[in-house]
C-alpha atoms as a PDB file:
ATOM      1  CA  UNK A   1     -14.082  -5.665  16.970  1.00  0.00           C
ATOM      2  CA  UNK A   2     -13.850  -7.705  13.751  1.00  0.00           C
ATOM      3  CA  UNK A   3     -14.561  -4.624  11.636  1.00  0.00           C
ATOM      4  CA  UNK A   4     -11.843  -2.680  13.472  1.00  0.00           C
ATOM      5  CA  UNK A   5      -9.264  -5.455  12.965  1.00  0.00           C
ATOM      6  CA  UNK A   6     -10.131  -5.750   9.280  1.00  0.00           C
ATOM      7  CA  UNK A   7      -9.784  -1.991   8.822  1.00  0.00           C
ATOM      8  CA  UNK A   8      -6.480  -1.963  10.723  1.00  0.00           C
ATOM      9  CA  UNK A   9      -5.112  -4.756   8.535  1.00  0.00           C
ATOM     10  CA  UNK A  10      -6.189  -2.933   5.380  1.00  0.00           C
ATOM     11  CA  UNK A  11      -4.566   0.305   6.577  1.00  0.00           C
ATOM     12  CA  UNK A  12      -1.331  -1.493   7.488  1.00  0.00           C
ATOM     13  CA  UNK A  13      -1.207  -3.241   4.120  1.00  0.00           C
ATOM     14  CA  UNK A  14      -1.650  -0.031   2.187  1.00  0.00           C
ATOM     15  CA  UNK A  15       0.947   1.791   4.273  1.00  0.00           C
ATOM     16  CA  UNK A  16       3.412  -1.064   3.808  1.00  0.00           C
ATOM     17  CA  UNK A  17       3.009  -0.912   0.065  1.00  0.00           C
ATOM     18  CA  UNK A  18       1.113  -4.194  -0.277  1.00  0.00           C
ATOM     19  CA  UNK A  19      -1.223  -4.429  -3.250  1.00  0.00           C
ATOM     20  CA  UNK A  20      -4.545  -5.997  -2.312  1.00  0.00           C
ATOM     21  CA  UNK A  21      -5.945  -6.060  -5.861  1.00  0.00           C
ATOM     22  CA  UNK A  22      -4.941  -5.437  -9.424  1.00  0.00           C
ATOM     23  CA  UNK A  23      -3.271  -2.020  -9.496  1.00  0.00           C
ATOM     24  CA  UNK A  24      -2.323   0.144 -12.469  1.00  0.00           C
ATOM     25  CA  UNK A  25       0.753   2.161 -11.472  1.00  0.00           C
ATOM     26  CA  UNK A  26       1.203   5.067 -13.852  1.00  0.00           C
ATOM     27  CA  UNK A  27       4.067   7.394 -14.815  1.00  0.00           C
ATOM     28  CA  UNK A  28       6.800   4.773 -14.405  1.00  0.00           C
ATOM     29  CA  UNK A  29      10.252   5.450 -15.893  1.00  0.00           C
ATOM     30  CA  UNK A  30      11.684   2.397 -17.683  1.00  0.00           C
ATOM     31  CA  UNK A  31      15.302   1.567 -18.482  1.00  0.00           C
ATOM     32  CA  UNK A  32      17.152  -1.586 -19.519  1.00  0.00           C
ATOM     33  CA  UNK A  33      20.121  -3.268 -17.824  1.00  0.00           C
ATOM     34  CA  UNK A  34      22.704  -5.929 -18.603  1.00  0.00           C
ATOM     35  CA  UNK A  35      26.465  -6.305 -18.949  1.00  0.00           C
ATOM     36  CA  UNK A  36      28.673  -4.617 -17.745  1.00  0.00           C
ATOM     37  CA  UNK A  37      26.503  -3.045 -15.025  1.00  0.00           C
ATOM     38  CA  UNK A  38      25.036  -6.423 -14.049  1.00  0.00           C
ATOM     39  CA  UNK A  39      26.860  -9.605 -13.103  1.00  0.00           C
ATOM     40  CA  UNK A  40      24.342 -11.986 -14.624  1.00  0.00           C
ATOM     41  CA  UNK A  41      23.236 -13.036 -11.124  1.00  0.00           C
ATOM     42  CA  UNK A  42      20.226 -11.736  -9.202  1.00  0.00           C
ATOM     43  CA  UNK A  43      20.450  -9.984  -5.835  1.00  0.00           C
ATOM     44  CA  UNK A  44      18.022 -12.485  -4.313  1.00  0.00           C
ATOM     45  CA  UNK A  45      16.247 -15.693  -5.279  1.00  0.00           C
ATOM     46  CA  UNK A  46      12.517 -16.345  -5.269  1.00  0.00           C
ATOM     47  CA  UNK A  47      10.482 -19.347  -4.224  1.00  0.00           C
ATOM     48  CA  UNK A  48       7.142 -18.242  -5.563  1.00  0.00           C
ATOM     49  CA  UNK A  49       6.653 -14.838  -3.963  1.00  0.00           C
ATOM     50  CA  UNK A  50       9.069 -15.552  -1.075  1.00  0.00           C
ATOM     51  CA  UNK A  51      12.549 -13.990  -1.391  1.00  0.00           C
ATOM     52  CA  UNK A  52      15.699 -15.922  -0.496  1.00  0.00           C
ATOM     53  CA  UNK A  53      19.344 -14.964  -0.155  1.00  0.00           C
ATOM     54  CA  UNK A  54      20.839 -17.053  -2.973  1.00  0.00           C
ATOM     55  CA  UNK A  55      22.233 -15.397  -6.091  1.00  0.00           C
ATOM     56  CA  UNK A  56      20.881 -17.192  -9.164  1.00  0.00           C
ATOM     57  CA  UNK A  57      21.273 -16.502 -12.909  1.00  0.00           C
ATOM     58  CA  UNK A  58      19.169 -13.535 -14.022  1.00  0.00           C
ATOM     59  CA  UNK A  59      16.118 -15.057 -15.723  1.00  0.00           C
ATOM     60  CA  UNK A  60      15.169 -14.235 -19.286  1.00  0.00           C
ATOM     61  CA  UNK A  61      11.944 -16.180 -19.597  1.00  0.00           C
ATOM     62  CA  UNK A  62       9.307 -16.257 -22.291  1.00  0.00           C
ATOM     63  CA  UNK A  63       7.407 -13.359 -20.742  1.00  0.00           C
ATOM     64  CA  UNK A  64       4.477 -15.407 -19.477  1.00  0.00           C
ATOM     65  CA  UNK A  65       3.244 -15.237 -15.889  1.00  0.00           C
ATOM     66  CA  UNK A  66       4.912 -18.581 -15.124  1.00  0.00           C
ATOM     67  CA  UNK A  67       8.136 -17.674 -16.991  1.00  0.00           C
ATOM     68  CA  UNK A  68       8.644 -13.929 -16.542  1.00  0.00           C
ATOM     69  CA  UNK A  69      11.497 -11.640 -17.463  1.00  0.00           C
ATOM     70  CA  UNK A  70      13.446  -9.988 -14.601  1.00  0.00           C
ATOM     71  CA  UNK A  71      13.285  -6.429 -13.311  1.00  0.00           C
ATOM     72  CA  UNK A  72      15.202  -4.373 -10.767  1.00  0.00           C
ATOM     73  CA  UNK A  73      13.943  -1.618  -8.486  1.00  0.00           C
ATOM     74  CA  UNK A  74      15.148   0.516  -5.594  1.00  0.00           C
ATOM     75  CA  UNK A  75      16.391  -1.533  -2.644  1.00  0.00           C
ATOM     76  CA  UNK A  76      14.114   0.542  -0.372  1.00  0.00           C
ATOM     77  CA  UNK A  77      11.100   0.692  -2.686  1.00  0.00           C
ATOM     78  CA  UNK A  78       7.692   0.998  -1.037  1.00  0.00           C
ATOM     79  CA  UNK A  79       5.922   0.418  -4.352  1.00  0.00           C
ATOM     80  CA  UNK A  80       7.001  -3.140  -5.166  1.00  0.00           C
ATOM     81  CA  UNK A  81       7.540  -6.244  -3.046  1.00  0.00           C
ATOM     82  CA  UNK A  82      10.527  -8.518  -3.663  1.00  0.00           C
ATOM     83  CA  UNK A  83       9.585 -11.473  -5.904  1.00  0.00           C
ATOM     84  CA  UNK A  84       6.282  -9.993  -6.994  1.00  0.00           C
ATOM     85  CA  UNK A  85       5.275 -10.376 -10.640  1.00  0.00           C
ATOM     86  CA  UNK A  86       4.101  -7.395 -12.670  1.00  0.00           C
ATOM     87  CA  UNK A  87       2.818  -6.927 -16.223  1.00  0.00           C
ATOM     88  CA  UNK A  88       3.986  -4.181 -18.601  1.00  0.00           C
ATOM     89  CA  UNK A  89       1.523  -3.514 -21.458  1.00  0.00           C
ATOM     90  CA  UNK A  90       4.221  -1.834 -23.617  1.00  0.00           C
ATOM     91  CA  UNK A  91       5.924  -5.242 -23.948  1.00  0.00           C
ATOM     92  CA  UNK A  92       2.890  -7.455 -23.298  1.00  0.00           C
ATOM     93  CA  UNK A  93       5.122  -9.427 -20.951  1.00  0.00           C
ATOM     94  CA  UNK A  94       5.333 -10.285 -17.259  1.00  0.00           C
ATOM     95  CA  UNK A  95       8.373  -9.367 -15.131  1.00  0.00           C
ATOM     96  CA  UNK A  96       9.519 -10.513 -11.661  1.00  0.00           C
ATOM     97  CA  UNK A  97      11.302  -8.287  -9.109  1.00  0.00           C
ATOM     98  CA  UNK A  98      14.615 -10.108  -8.479  1.00  0.00           C
ATOM     99  CA  UNK A  99      17.283  -7.389  -8.547  1.00  0.00           C
ATOM    100  CA  UNK A 100      18.138  -3.927  -7.202  1.00  0.00           C
ATOM    101  CA  UNK A 101      19.015  -0.765  -9.071  1.00  0.00           C
ATOM    102  CA  UNK A 102      21.142   2.106  -7.734  1.00  0.00           C
ATOM    103  CA  UNK A 103      19.739   4.633 -10.227  1.00  0.00           C
ATOM    104  CA  UNK A 104      16.214   3.580  -9.233  1.00  0.00           C
ATOM    105  CA  UNK A 105      17.133   4.487  -5.648  1.00  0.00           C
ATOM    106  CA  UNK A 106      18.418   7.956  -6.547  1.00  0.00           C
ATOM    107  CA  UNK A 107      15.408   8.589  -8.794  1.00  0.00           C
ATOM    108  CA  UNK A 108      13.085   7.497  -5.995  1.00  0.00           C
ATOM    109  CA  UNK A 109      14.739  10.034  -3.695  1.00  0.00           C
ATOM    110  CA  UNK A 110      14.145  12.665  -6.395  1.00  0.00           C
ATOM    111  CA  UNK A 111      10.453  11.774  -6.593  1.00  0.00           C
ATOM    112  CA  UNK A 112      10.467   9.608  -9.737  1.00  0.00           C
ATOM    113  CA  UNK A 113       9.436   5.956  -9.916  1.00  0.00           C
ATOM    114  CA  UNK A 114      11.986   4.018 -11.974  1.00  0.00           C
ATOM    115  CA  UNK A 115      12.405   0.314 -12.697  1.00  0.00           C
ATOM    116  CA  UNK A 116      15.164  -1.383 -14.710  1.00  0.00           C
ATOM    117  CA  UNK A 117      14.291  -4.246 -17.074  1.00  0.00           C
ATOM    118  CA  UNK A 118      16.399  -7.236 -18.134  1.00  0.00           C
ATOM    119  CA  UNK A 119      15.319  -7.559 -21.772  1.00  0.00           C
ATOM    120  CA  UNK A 120      18.264  -9.103 -23.619  1.00  0.00           C
ATOM    121  CA  UNK A 121      20.602 -11.899 -22.520  1.00  0.00           C
ATOM    122  CA  UNK A 122      23.844 -10.139 -21.575  1.00  0.00           C
ATOM    123  CA  UNK A 123      26.875 -11.281 -19.586  1.00  0.00           C
ATOM    124  CA  UNK A 124      30.682 -11.189 -19.548  1.00  0.00           C
ATOM    125  CA  UNK A 125      30.874 -13.935 -22.202  1.00  0.00           C
ATOM    126  CA  UNK A 126      28.382 -12.332 -24.599  1.00  0.00           C
ATOM    127  CA  UNK A 127      29.291  -8.713 -23.854  1.00  0.00           C
ATOM    128  CA  UNK A 128      27.016  -5.716 -24.337  1.00  0.00           C
ATOM    129  CA  UNK A 129      24.874  -6.194 -27.439  1.00  0.00           C
ATOM    130  CA  UNK A 130      23.734  -3.350 -29.731  1.00  0.00           C
ATOM    131  CA  UNK A 131      20.192  -4.457 -28.985  1.00  0.00           C
ATOM    132  CA  UNK A 132      20.715  -3.895 -25.261  1.00  0.00           C
ATOM    133  CA  UNK A 133      21.936  -0.382 -26.029  1.00  0.00           C
ATOM    134  CA  UNK A 134      18.940   0.223 -28.298  1.00  0.00           C
ATOM    135  CA  UNK A 135      16.559  -0.575 -25.457  1.00  0.00           C
ATOM    136  CA  UNK A 136      18.417   1.706 -23.035  1.00  0.00           C
ATOM    137  CA  UNK A 137      16.110   4.658 -23.661  1.00  0.00           C
ATOM    138  CA  UNK A 138      12.375   4.322 -24.190  1.00  0.00           C
ATOM    139  CA  UNK A 139      11.598   7.846 -25.364  1.00  0.00           C
ATOM    140  CA  UNK A 140       9.593   8.990 -22.365  1.00  0.00           C
ATOM    141  CA  UNK A 141       8.753   8.369 -18.736  1.00  0.00           C
ATOM    142  CA  UNK A 142       5.017   7.764 -18.902  1.00  0.00           C
ATOM    143  CA  UNK A 143       4.462   4.020 -18.804  1.00  0.00           C
ATOM    144  CA  UNK A 144       1.877   1.987 -16.927  1.00  0.00           C
ATOM    145  CA  UNK A 145       2.861  -1.068 -14.891  1.00  0.00           C
ATOM    146  CA  UNK A 146       0.281  -3.556 -13.604  1.00  0.00           C
ATOM    147  CA  UNK A 147       0.675  -5.012 -10.105  1.00  0.00           C
ATOM    148  CA  UNK A 148      -1.118  -8.229  -9.106  1.00  0.00           C
ATOM    149  CA  UNK A 149      -2.112  -8.766 -12.740  1.00  0.00           C
ATOM    150  CA  UNK A 150      -4.433 -11.401 -14.086  1.00  0.00           C
ATOM    151  CA  UNK A 151      -2.089 -14.280 -15.124  1.00  0.00           C
ATOM    152  CA  UNK A 152      -3.861 -14.603 -18.478  1.00  0.00           C
ATOM    153  CA  UNK A 153      -3.210 -11.181 -20.004  1.00  0.00           C
ATOM    154  CA  UNK A 154      -2.034 -11.074 -23.657  1.00  0.00           C
ATOM    155  CA  UNK A 155       1.617 -12.122 -24.037  1.00  0.00           C
ATOM    156  CA  UNK A 156       3.872 -11.501 -27.026  1.00  0.00           C
ATOM    157  CA  UNK A 157       5.923 -14.697 -26.972  1.00  0.00           C
ATOM    158  CA  UNK A 158       8.571 -13.492 -29.432  1.00  0.00           C
ATOM    159  CA  UNK A 159      11.955 -12.636 -27.939  1.00  0.00           C
ATOM    160  CA  UNK A 160      13.181  -9.037 -28.111  1.00  0.00           C
ATOM    161  CA  UNK A 161      16.549 -10.156 -29.518  1.00  0.00           C
ATOM    162  CA  UNK A 162      16.496 -13.181 -31.786  1.00  0.00           C
ATOM    163  CA  UNK A 163      18.588 -14.425 -34.680  1.00  0.00           C
ATOM    164  CA  UNK A 164      20.748 -11.299 -34.554  1.00  0.00           C
ATOM    165  CA  UNK A 165      17.691  -9.025 -34.899  1.00  0.00           C
ATOM    166  CA  UNK A 166      16.654  -6.482 -32.271  1.00  0.00           C
ATOM    167  CA  UNK A 167      12.877  -6.209 -32.073  1.00  0.00           C
ATOM    168  CA  UNK A 168      12.628  -2.709 -30.603  1.00  0.00           C
ATOM    169  CA  UNK A 169      10.755  -1.295 -33.617  1.00  0.00           C
ATOM    170  CA  UNK A 170       6.947  -1.280 -33.167  1.00  0.00           C
ATOM    171  CA  UNK A 171       6.643  -2.188 -36.854  1.00  0.00           C
ATOM    172  CA  UNK A 172       7.983  -5.643 -35.969  1.00  0.00           C
ATOM    173  CA  UNK A 173       5.060  -6.282 -33.631  1.00  0.00           C
ATOM    174  CA  UNK A 174       6.958  -7.092 -30.443  1.00  0.00           C
ATOM    175  CA  UNK A 175       6.670  -3.758 -28.616  1.00  0.00           C
ATOM    176  CA  UNK A 176       3.409  -1.853 -28.361  1.00  0.00           C
ATOM    177  CA  UNK A 177       3.643   1.919 -27.770  1.00  0.00           C
ATOM    178  CA  UNK A 178      -0.124   2.259 -28.183  1.00  0.00           C
ATOM    179  CA  UNK A 179      -0.490   0.091 -25.062  1.00  0.00           C
ATOM    180  CA  UNK A 180       2.033   2.094 -22.984  1.00  0.00           C
ATOM    181  CA  UNK A 181      -0.637   3.508 -20.688  1.00  0.00           C
ATOM    182  CA  UNK A 182      -3.207   0.741 -20.963  1.00  0.00           C
ATOM    183  CA  UNK A 183      -4.963  -0.136 -17.717  1.00  0.00           C
ATOM    184  CA  UNK A 184      -5.042  -3.945 -17.876  1.00  0.00           C
ATOM    185  CA  UNK A 185      -6.942  -4.297 -14.585  1.00  0.00           C
ATOM    186  CA  UNK A 186     -10.273  -5.451 -15.954  1.00  0.00           C
ATOM    187  CA  UNK A 187     -12.543  -8.437 -16.088  1.00  0.00           C
ATOM    188  CA  UNK A 188     -14.669  -7.839 -13.021  1.00  0.00           C
ATOM    189  CA  UNK A 189     -11.993  -8.011 -10.315  1.00  0.00           C
ATOM    190  CA  UNK A 190     -11.267  -5.290  -7.802  1.00  0.00           C
ATOM    191  CA  UNK A 191      -8.853  -2.712  -9.135  1.00  0.00           C
ATOM    192  CA  UNK A 192      -7.140   0.558  -8.258  1.00  0.00           C
ATOM    193  CA  UNK A 193      -5.360   3.177 -10.363  1.00  0.00           C
ATOM    194  CA  UNK A 194      -2.299   4.624  -8.637  1.00  0.00           C
ATOM    195  CA  UNK A 195      -1.148   7.913 -10.122  1.00  0.00           C
ATOM    196  CA  UNK A 196       0.830   8.860  -7.042  1.00  0.00           C
ATOM    197  CA  UNK A 197       3.204   6.110  -5.921  1.00  0.00           C
ATOM    198  CA  UNK A 198       4.575   6.096  -2.375  1.00  0.00           C
ATOM    199  CA  UNK A 199       7.820   8.080  -2.110  1.00  0.00           C
ATOM    200  CA  UNK A 200      10.142   7.352   0.785  1.00  0.00           C
ATOM    201  CA  UNK A 201      12.465  10.073   2.061  1.00  0.00           C
ATOM    202  CA  UNK A 202      14.654   7.434   3.377  1.00  0.00           C
ATOM    203  CA  UNK A 203      21.455   6.046 -14.481  1.00  0.00           C
ATOM    204  CA  UNK A 204      21.141   2.939 -14.939  1.00  0.00           C
ATOM    205  CA  UNK A 205      22.287   0.528 -12.245  1.00  0.00           C
END
């Protein structure tokens, strides 16, 4: 009976999109969002991994596990859970799911996994920065995203826009194209590589 219940729980978790171990999700399309297609407030708040209903300022942290950047995904995504933290090797930064993205929804319906990243501080007072526009297109759709990552993965602490300089050039050492498809699930823990994300039949934001 115990074995049956454990198997049933595992099957339910996988069907519901829950990640039970470090998971490398491949072939993810990345875009960048900010003003004017974002208000500067999140769609939901997070207390740890628990979502709330409050709208709070969109976080632009340091990129560590405890101070992540923000990302948006489809409102009906079966790949990510609200308030979960992911790691993107291309940036060597952590991101938390706190917002929704209309283009991510339409891409999901077309069979493409798409998440939208908040990389540069942008609001109605600051306006849309050239750096935000520079990060709008990443030159491809094949990026790896790590779910349930180890909290101690390498982090590039430098901001992507600082002192009037946009650090979107790999030569500056703050983005890492060579790591775009790195599987960071290592170190002895259980892991899974997901090449085929769950697609529900159910351009930027």
